[in-house]
Amino acid sequence: MSQQLPNGKKPPSKAIVRTVQDLGEIVQRTRKEQKLSQIDVAGLVGCGNRFIVDLEKGKETIRMQKAIEVLELLGLELVVTSKGQ
């Protein structure tokens, strides 16, 4: 089943994340594609704007649960698999 986002777009189908910076770039790109501001995302997730800024910059000490909530809001999910699959 293909997930539709509120703006009618589909989230990216697959991306490999090897660093926190990779994750931040994906979050930023997806947020901009959905025409959401950092303040919009922060308000919808219930965190401060600073968290979204830090997440998108790839800050290594971000709170993982809050990052997962941001991914969920943007129609993304974190999947862990063995390499090569």
PDB file of N, CA and C in Angstrom:
ATOM      1  N   MET A   1       0.855  -1.180   0.000  1.00  0.00           N
ATOM      2  CA  MET A   1       0.000   0.000   0.000  1.00  0.00           C
ATOM      3  C   MET A   1       0.892   1.230   0.000  1.00  0.00           C
ATOM      4  N   SER A   2       0.628   2.152  -0.860  1.00  0.00           N
ATOM      5  CA  SER A   2       1.416   3.359  -0.991  1.00  0.00           C
ATOM      6  C   SER A   2       0.833   4.443  -0.092  1.00  0.00           C
ATOM      7  N   GLN A   3       1.656   5.009   0.763  1.00  0.00           N
ATOM      8  CA  GLN A   3       1.202   6.030   1.686  1.00  0.00           C
ATOM      9  C   GLN A   3       1.142   7.383   0.994  1.00  0.00           C
ATOM     10  N   GLN A   4       0.043   8.079   1.158  1.00  0.00           N
ATOM     11  CA  GLN A   4      -0.109   9.430   0.635  1.00  0.00           C
ATOM     12  C   GLN A   4       0.079  10.411   1.788  1.00  0.00           C
ATOM     13  N   LEU A   5       0.774  11.475   1.537  1.00  0.00           N
ATOM     14  CA  LEU A   5       0.960  12.524   2.520  1.00  0.00           C
ATOM     15  C   LEU A   5      -0.179  13.523   2.411  1.00  0.00           C
ATOM     16  N   PRO A   6      -0.359  14.376   3.434  1.00  0.00           N
ATOM     17  CA  PRO A   6      -1.455  15.346   3.393  1.00  0.00           C
ATOM     18  C   PRO A   6      -1.443  16.222   2.140  1.00  0.00           C
ATOM     19  N   ASN A   7      -0.267  16.475   1.580  1.00  0.00           N
ATOM     20  CA  ASN A   7      -0.205  17.328   0.390  1.00  0.00           C
ATOM     21  C   ASN A   7      -0.378  16.531  -0.901  1.00  0.00           C
ATOM     22  N   GLY A   8      -0.689  15.226  -0.786  1.00  0.00           N
ATOM     23  CA  GLY A   8      -0.928  14.393  -1.956  1.00  0.00           C
ATOM     24  C   GLY A   8       0.308  13.749  -2.542  1.00  0.00           C
ATOM     25  N   LYS A   9       1.478  14.092  -2.023  1.00  0.00           N
ATOM     26  CA  LYS A   9       2.720  13.512  -2.536  1.00  0.00           C
ATOM     27  C   LYS A   9       3.040  12.212  -1.817  1.00  0.00           C
ATOM     28  N   LYS A  10       3.891  11.433  -2.447  1.00  0.00           N
ATOM     29  CA  LYS A  10       4.365  10.197  -1.832  1.00  0.00           C
ATOM     30  C   LYS A  10       5.761  10.444  -1.253  1.00  0.00           C
ATOM     31  N   PRO A  11       6.063   9.838  -0.085  1.00  0.00           N
ATOM     32  CA  PRO A  11       7.411   9.993   0.467  1.00  0.00           C
ATOM     33  C   PRO A  11       8.421   9.238  -0.392  1.00  0.00           C
ATOM     34  N   PRO A  12       9.730   9.543  -0.249  1.00  0.00           N
ATOM     35  CA  PRO A  12      10.731   8.813  -1.022  1.00  0.00           C
ATOM     36  C   PRO A  12      10.615   7.326  -0.733  1.00  0.00           C
ATOM     37  N   SER A  13      10.898   6.507  -1.731  1.00  0.00           N
ATOM     38  CA  SER A  13      10.711   5.071  -1.561  1.00  0.00           C
ATOM     39  C   SER A  13      11.815   4.426  -0.731  1.00  0.00           C
ATOM     40  N   LYS A  14      13.055   4.907  -0.852  1.00  0.00           N
ATOM     41  CA  LYS A  14      14.141   4.270  -0.129  1.00  0.00           C
ATOM     42  C   LYS A  14      15.348   5.194  -0.076  1.00  0.00           C
ATOM     43  N   ALA A  15      16.013   5.224   1.059  1.00  0.00           N
ATOM     44  CA  ALA A  15      17.250   5.991   1.202  1.00  0.00           C
ATOM     45  C   ALA A  15      18.121   5.282   2.223  1.00  0.00           C
ATOM     46  N   ILE A  16      19.399   5.227   1.970  1.00  0.00           N
ATOM     47  CA  ILE A  16      20.339   4.625   2.907  1.00  0.00           C
ATOM     48  C   ILE A  16      20.926   5.734   3.762  1.00  0.00           C
ATOM     49  N   VAL A  17      20.847   5.553   5.069  1.00  0.00           N
ATOM     50  CA  VAL A  17      21.361   6.532   6.023  1.00  0.00           C
ATOM     51  C   VAL A  17      22.581   5.927   6.704  1.00  0.00           C
ATOM     52  N   ARG A  18      23.721   6.592   6.522  1.00  0.00           N
ATOM     53  CA  ARG A  18      24.952   6.114   7.152  1.00  0.00           C
ATOM     54  C   ARG A  18      25.464   7.076   8.216  1.00  0.00           C
ATOM     55  N   THR A  19      24.944   8.297   8.200  1.00  0.00           N
ATOM     56  CA  THR A  19      25.359   9.301   9.179  1.00  0.00           C
ATOM     57  C   THR A  19      24.144  10.104   9.625  1.00  0.00           C
ATOM     58  N   VAL A  20      24.316  10.813  10.724  1.00  0.00           N
ATOM     59  CA  VAL A  20      23.248  11.696  11.185  1.00  0.00           C
ATOM     60  C   VAL A  20      23.034  12.810  10.166  1.00  0.00           C
ATOM     61  N   GLN A  21      24.088  13.206   9.477  1.00  0.00           N
ATOM     62  CA  GLN A  21      23.965  14.225   8.443  1.00  0.00           C
ATOM     63  C   GLN A  21      23.077  13.728   7.301  1.00  0.00           C
ATOM     64  N   ASP A  22      23.220  12.449   6.931  1.00  0.00           N
ATOM     65  CA  ASP A  22      22.343  11.869   5.899  1.00  0.00           C
ATOM     66  C   ASP A  22      20.883  11.991   6.312  1.00  0.00           C
ATOM     67  N   LEU A  23      20.596  11.635   7.559  1.00  0.00           N
ATOM     68  CA  LEU A  23      19.228  11.707   8.062  1.00  0.00           C
ATOM     69  C   LEU A  23      18.723  13.149   8.025  1.00  0.00           C
ATOM     70  N   GLY A  24      19.558  14.075   8.452  1.00  0.00           N
ATOM     71  CA  GLY A  24      19.173  15.490   8.445  1.00  0.00           C
ATOM     72  C   GLY A  24      18.855  15.998   7.052  1.00  0.00           C
ATOM     73  N   GLU A  25      19.665  15.588   6.075  1.00  0.00           N
ATOM     74  CA  GLU A  25      19.420  16.017   4.692  1.00  0.00           C
ATOM     75  C   GLU A  25      18.104  15.467   4.165  1.00  0.00           C
ATOM     76  N   ILE A  26      17.789  14.233   4.511  1.00  0.00           N
ATOM     77  CA  ILE A  26      16.523  13.632   4.080  1.00  0.00           C
ATOM     78  C   ILE A  26      15.346  14.371   4.711  1.00  0.00           C
ATOM     79  N   VAL A  27      15.458  14.663   6.004  1.00  0.00           N
ATOM     80  CA  VAL A  27      14.392  15.385   6.697  1.00  0.00           C
ATOM     81  C   VAL A  27      14.200  16.758   6.061  1.00  0.00           C
ATOM     82  N   GLN A  28      15.294  17.472   5.845  1.00  0.00           N
ATOM     83  CA  GLN A  28      15.197  18.811   5.271  1.00  0.00           C
ATOM     84  C   GLN A  28      14.593  18.785   3.865  1.00  0.00           C
ATOM     85  N   ARG A  29      15.078  17.881   3.035  1.00  0.00           N
ATOM     86  CA  ARG A  29      14.571  17.785   1.659  1.00  0.00           C
ATOM     87  C   ARG A  29      13.072  17.456   1.654  1.00  0.00           C
ATOM     88  N   THR A  30      12.670  16.494   2.480  1.00  0.00           N
ATOM     89  CA  THR A  30      11.264  16.094   2.523  1.00  0.00           C
ATOM     90  C   THR A  30      10.391  17.221   3.055  1.00  0.00           C
ATOM     91  N   ARG A  31      10.873  17.905   4.100  1.00  0.00           N
ATOM     92  CA  ARG A  31      10.118  19.027   4.666  1.00  0.00           C
ATOM     93  C   ARG A  31       9.900  20.113   3.614  1.00  0.00           C
ATOM     94  N   LYS A  32      10.944  20.440   2.880  1.00  0.00           N
ATOM     95  CA  LYS A  32      10.832  21.476   1.851  1.00  0.00           C
ATOM     96  C   LYS A  32       9.927  21.044   0.704  1.00  0.00           C
ATOM     97  N   GLU A  33       9.996  19.771   0.322  1.00  0.00           N
ATOM     98  CA  GLU A  33       9.110  19.261  -0.733  1.00  0.00           C
ATOM     99  C   GLU A  33       7.650  19.391  -0.325  1.00  0.00           C
ATOM    100  N   GLN A  34       7.400  19.251   0.970  1.00  0.00           N
ATOM    101  CA  GLN A  34       6.029  19.353   1.481  1.00  0.00           C
ATOM    102  C   GLN A  34       5.641  20.787   1.814  1.00  0.00           C
ATOM    103  N   LYS A  35       6.573  21.715   1.517  1.00  0.00           N
ATOM    104  CA  LYS A  35       6.334  23.140   1.733  1.00  0.00           C
ATOM    105  C   LYS A  35       5.991  23.459   3.191  1.00  0.00           C
ATOM    106  N   LEU A  36       6.720  22.808   4.094  1.00  0.00           N
ATOM    107  CA  LEU A  36       6.574  23.062   5.526  1.00  0.00           C
ATOM    108  C   LEU A  36       7.791  23.824   6.017  1.00  0.00           C
ATOM    109  N   SER A  37       7.581  24.738   6.943  1.00  0.00           N
ATOM    110  CA  SER A  37       8.711  25.433   7.560  1.00  0.00           C
ATOM    111  C   SER A  37       9.204  24.608   8.744  1.00  0.00           C
ATOM    112  N   GLN A  38      10.388  24.937   9.215  1.00  0.00           N
ATOM    113  CA  GLN A  38      10.903  24.264  10.411  1.00  0.00           C
ATOM    114  C   GLN A  38       9.985  24.520  11.591  1.00  0.00           C
ATOM    115  N   ILE A  39       9.436  25.719  11.663  1.00  0.00           N
ATOM    116  CA  ILE A  39       8.521  26.059  12.759  1.00  0.00           C
ATOM    117  C   ILE A  39       7.237  25.238  12.658  1.00  0.00           C
ATOM    118  N   ASP A  40       6.741  25.010  11.435  1.00  0.00           N
ATOM    119  CA  ASP A  40       5.557  24.167  11.239  1.00  0.00           C
ATOM    120  C   ASP A  40       5.804  22.769  11.804  1.00  0.00           C
ATOM    121  N   VAL A  41       6.928  22.183  11.416  1.00  0.00           N
ATOM    122  CA  VAL A  41       7.247  20.817  11.849  1.00  0.00           C
ATOM    123  C   VAL A  41       7.404  20.774  13.364  1.00  0.00           C
ATOM    124  N   ALA A  42       8.118  21.728  13.917  1.00  0.00           N
ATOM    125  CA  ALA A  42       8.313  21.764  15.371  1.00  0.00           C
ATOM    126  C   ALA A  42       6.977  21.825  16.102  1.00  0.00           C
ATOM    127  N   GLY A  43       6.081  22.678  15.631  1.00  0.00           N
ATOM    128  CA  GLY A  43       4.773  22.802  16.267  1.00  0.00           C
ATOM    129  C   GLY A  43       3.951  21.534  16.168  1.00  0.00           C
ATOM    130  N   LEU A  44       3.990  20.888  15.015  1.00  0.00           N
ATOM    131  CA  LEU A  44       3.209  19.662  14.816  1.00  0.00           C
ATOM    132  C   LEU A  44       3.756  18.489  15.622  1.00  0.00           C
ATOM    133  N   VAL A  45       5.058  18.462  15.830  1.00  0.00           N
ATOM    134  CA  VAL A  45       5.682  17.367  16.591  1.00  0.00           C
ATOM    135  C   VAL A  45       5.685  17.672  18.087  1.00  0.00           C
ATOM    136  N   GLY A  46       5.615  18.944  18.440  1.00  0.00           N
ATOM    137  CA  GLY A  46       5.631  19.313  19.852  1.00  0.00           C
ATOM    138  C   GLY A  46       7.037  19.443  20.403  1.00  0.00           C
ATOM    139  N   CYS A  47       7.899  20.063  19.624  1.00  0.00           N
ATOM    140  CA  CYS A  47       9.268  20.303  20.086  1.00  0.00           C
ATOM    141  C   CYS A  47       9.640  21.734  19.728  1.00  0.00           C
ATOM    142  N   GLY A  48      10.809  22.148  20.134  1.00  0.00           N
ATOM    143  CA  GLY A  48      11.275  23.478  19.799  1.00  0.00           C
ATOM    144  C   GLY A  48      11.844  23.533  18.392  1.00  0.00           C
ATOM    145  N   ASN A  49      11.817  24.716  17.813  1.00  0.00           N
ATOM    146  CA  ASN A  49      12.388  24.911  16.489  1.00  0.00           C
ATOM    147  C   ASN A  49      13.870  24.532  16.468  1.00  0.00           C
ATOM    148  N   ARG A  50      14.572  24.755  17.581  1.00  0.00           N
ATOM    149  CA  ARG A  50      15.999  24.440  17.669  1.00  0.00           C
ATOM    150  C   ARG A  50      16.245  22.954  17.389  1.00  0.00           C
ATOM    151  N   PHE A  51      15.338  22.086  17.842  1.00  0.00           N
ATOM    152  CA  PHE A  51      15.503  20.649  17.596  1.00  0.00           C
ATOM    153  C   PHE A  51      15.489  20.357  16.102  1.00  0.00           C
ATOM    154  N   ILE A  52      14.569  20.968  15.369  1.00  0.00           N
ATOM    155  CA  ILE A  52      14.469  20.731  13.928  1.00  0.00           C
ATOM    156  C   ILE A  52      15.723  21.252  13.229  1.00  0.00           C
ATOM    157  N   VAL A  53      16.185  22.418  13.633  1.00  0.00           N
ATOM    158  CA  VAL A  53      17.422  22.968  13.067  1.00  0.00           C
ATOM    159  C   VAL A  53      18.583  21.995  13.307  1.00  0.00           C
ATOM    160  N   ASP A  54      18.715  21.527  14.542  1.00  0.00           N
ATOM    161  CA  ASP A  54      19.808  20.600  14.884  1.00  0.00           C
ATOM    162  C   ASP A  54      19.690  19.282  14.123  1.00  0.00           C
ATOM    163  N   LEU A  55      18.482  18.763  14.002  1.00  0.00           N
ATOM    164  CA  LEU A  55      18.266  17.512  13.267  1.00  0.00           C
ATOM    165  C   LEU A  55      18.690  17.672  11.817  1.00  0.00           C
ATOM    166  N   GLU A  56      18.267  18.743  11.189  1.00  0.00           N
ATOM    167  CA  GLU A  56      18.599  18.964   9.779  1.00  0.00           C
ATOM    168  C   GLU A  56      20.087  19.236   9.568  1.00  0.00           C
ATOM    169  N   LYS A  57      20.760  19.767  10.572  1.00  0.00           N
ATOM    170  CA  LYS A  57      22.202  20.000  10.478  1.00  0.00           C
ATOM    171  C   LYS A  57      23.013  18.737  10.771  1.00  0.00           C
ATOM    172  N   GLY A  58      22.345  17.693  11.256  1.00  0.00           N
ATOM    173  CA  GLY A  58      23.049  16.446  11.542  1.00  0.00           C
ATOM    174  C   GLY A  58      23.719  16.413  12.899  1.00  0.00           C
ATOM    175  N   LYS A  59      23.190  17.146  13.853  1.00  0.00           N
ATOM    176  CA  LYS A  59      23.758  17.141  15.204  1.00  0.00           C
ATOM    177  C   LYS A  59      23.699  15.730  15.773  1.00  0.00           C
ATOM    178  N   GLU A  60      24.813  15.267  16.285  1.00  0.00           N
ATOM    179  CA  GLU A  60      24.932  13.871  16.710  1.00  0.00           C
ATOM    180  C   GLU A  60      24.220  13.545  18.017  1.00  0.00           C
ATOM    181  N   THR A  61      23.829  14.540  18.780  1.00  0.00           N
ATOM    182  CA  THR A  61      23.230  14.278  20.087  1.00  0.00           C
ATOM    183  C   THR A  61      21.714  14.508  20.122  1.00  0.00           C
ATOM    184  N   ILE A  62      21.057  14.426  18.962  1.00  0.00           N
ATOM    185  CA  ILE A  62      19.609  14.624  18.937  1.00  0.00           C
ATOM    186  C   ILE A  62      18.900  13.479  19.663  1.00  0.00           C
ATOM    187  N   ARG A  63      17.690  13.752  20.112  1.00  0.00           N
ATOM    188  CA  ARG A  63      16.878  12.719  20.773  1.00  0.00           C
ATOM    189  C   ARG A  63      16.247  11.843  19.693  1.00  0.00           C
ATOM    190  N   MET A  64      16.586  10.560  19.729  1.00  0.00           N
ATOM    191  CA  MET A  64      16.156   9.634  18.690  1.00  0.00           C
ATOM    192  C   MET A  64      14.631   9.520  18.605  1.00  0.00           C
ATOM    193  N   GLN A  65      13.950   9.437  19.728  1.00  0.00           N
ATOM    194  CA  GLN A  65      12.490   9.292  19.695  1.00  0.00           C
ATOM    195  C   GLN A  65      11.842  10.488  19.023  1.00  0.00           C
ATOM    196  N   LYS A  66      12.337  11.670  19.315  1.00  0.00           N
ATOM    197  CA  LYS A  66      11.770  12.874  18.702  1.00  0.00           C
ATOM    198  C   LYS A  66      12.074  12.886  17.202  1.00  0.00           C
ATOM    199  N   ALA A  67      13.254  12.413  16.810  1.00  0.00           N
ATOM    200  CA  ALA A  67      13.598  12.327  15.384  1.00  0.00           C
ATOM    201  C   ALA A  67      12.649  11.366  14.670  1.00  0.00           C
ATOM    202  N   ILE A  68      12.331  10.256  15.318  1.00  0.00           N
ATOM    203  CA  ILE A  68      11.391   9.288  14.733  1.00  0.00           C
ATOM    204  C   ILE A  68      10.009   9.926  14.585  1.00  0.00           C
ATOM    205  N   GLU A  69       9.613  10.737  15.534  1.00  0.00           N
ATOM    206  CA  GLU A  69       8.326  11.436  15.439  1.00  0.00           C
ATOM    207  C   GLU A  69       8.317  12.409  14.260  1.00  0.00           C
ATOM    208  N   VAL A  70       9.435  13.072  14.016  1.00  0.00           N
ATOM    209  CA  VAL A  70       9.542  13.968  12.861  1.00  0.00           C
ATOM    210  C   VAL A  70       9.417  13.165  11.574  1.00  0.00           C
ATOM    211  N   LEU A  71      10.114  12.026  11.504  1.00  0.00           N
ATOM    212  CA  LEU A  71      10.023  11.170  10.319  1.00  0.00           C
ATOM    213  C   LEU A  71       8.581  10.750  10.073  1.00  0.00           C
ATOM    214  N   GLU A  72       7.910  10.326  11.125  1.00  0.00           N
ATOM    215  CA  GLU A  72       6.509   9.899  11.025  1.00  0.00           C
ATOM    216  C   GLU A  72       5.636  11.026  10.486  1.00  0.00           C
ATOM    217  N   LEU A  73       5.813  12.213  11.020  1.00  0.00           N
ATOM    218  CA  LEU A  73       5.048  13.375  10.568  1.00  0.00           C
ATOM    219  C   LEU A  73       5.246  13.620   9.078  1.00  0.00           C
ATOM    220  N   LEU A  74       6.474  13.427   8.605  1.00  0.00           N
ATOM    221  CA  LEU A  74       6.793  13.687   7.199  1.00  0.00           C
ATOM    222  C   LEU A  74       6.451  12.509   6.289  1.00  0.00           C
ATOM    223  N   GLY A  75       5.869  11.454   6.856  1.00  0.00           N
ATOM    224  CA  GLY A  75       5.492  10.297   6.053  1.00  0.00           C
ATOM    225  C   GLY A  75       6.656   9.352   5.791  1.00  0.00           C
ATOM    226  N   LEU A  76       7.671   9.426   6.639  1.00  0.00           N
ATOM    227  CA  LEU A  76       8.849   8.576   6.509  1.00  0.00           C
ATOM    228  C   LEU A  76       8.889   7.585   7.663  1.00  0.00           C
ATOM    229  N   GLU A  77       9.651   6.517   7.497  1.00  0.00           N
ATOM    230  CA  GLU A  77       9.862   5.580   8.592  1.00  0.00           C
ATOM    231  C   GLU A  77      11.297   5.092   8.554  1.00  0.00           C
ATOM    232  N   LEU A  78      11.782   4.719   9.711  1.00  0.00           N
ATOM    233  CA  LEU A  78      13.137   4.212   9.843  1.00  0.00           C
ATOM    234  C   LEU A  78      13.077   2.692   9.841  1.00  0.00           C
ATOM    235  N   VAL A  79      13.783   2.062   8.895  1.00  0.00           N
ATOM    236  CA  VAL A  79      13.802   0.612   8.769  1.00  0.00           C
ATOM    237  C   VAL A  79      15.252   0.160   8.860  1.00  0.00           C
ATOM    238  N   VAL A  80      15.516  -0.824   9.689  1.00  0.00           N
ATOM    239  CA  VAL A  80      16.872  -1.357   9.833  1.00  0.00           C
ATOM    240  C   VAL A  80      16.906  -2.741   9.215  1.00  0.00           C
ATOM    241  N   THR A  81      17.854  -2.953   8.294  1.00  0.00           N
ATOM    242  CA  THR A  81      18.007  -4.250   7.666  1.00  0.00           C
ATOM    243  C   THR A  81      19.490  -4.623   7.631  1.00  0.00           C
ATOM    244  N   SER A  82      19.781  -5.860   7.342  1.00  0.00           N
ATOM    245  CA  SER A  82      21.145  -6.281   7.167  1.00  0.00           C
ATOM    246  C   SER A  82      21.692  -5.671   5.885  1.00  0.00           C
ATOM    247  N   LYS A  83      22.979  -5.351   5.873  1.00  0.00           N
ATOM    248  CA  LYS A  83      23.581  -4.777   4.662  1.00  0.00           C
ATOM    249  C   LYS A  83      23.422  -5.745   3.495  1.00  0.00           C
ATOM    250  N   GLY A  84      23.207  -5.164   2.322  1.00  0.00           N
ATOM    251  CA  GLY A  84      23.100  -5.960   1.110  1.00  0.00           C
ATOM    252  C   GLY A  84      21.719  -6.493   0.825  1.00  0.00           C
ATOM    253  N   GLN A  85      20.750  -6.190   1.650  1.00  0.00           N
ATOM    254  CA  GLN A  85      19.381  -6.688   1.401  1.00  0.00           C
ATOM    255  C   GLN A  85      18.532  -5.622   0.769  1.00  0.00           C
TER     256      GLN A  85
END
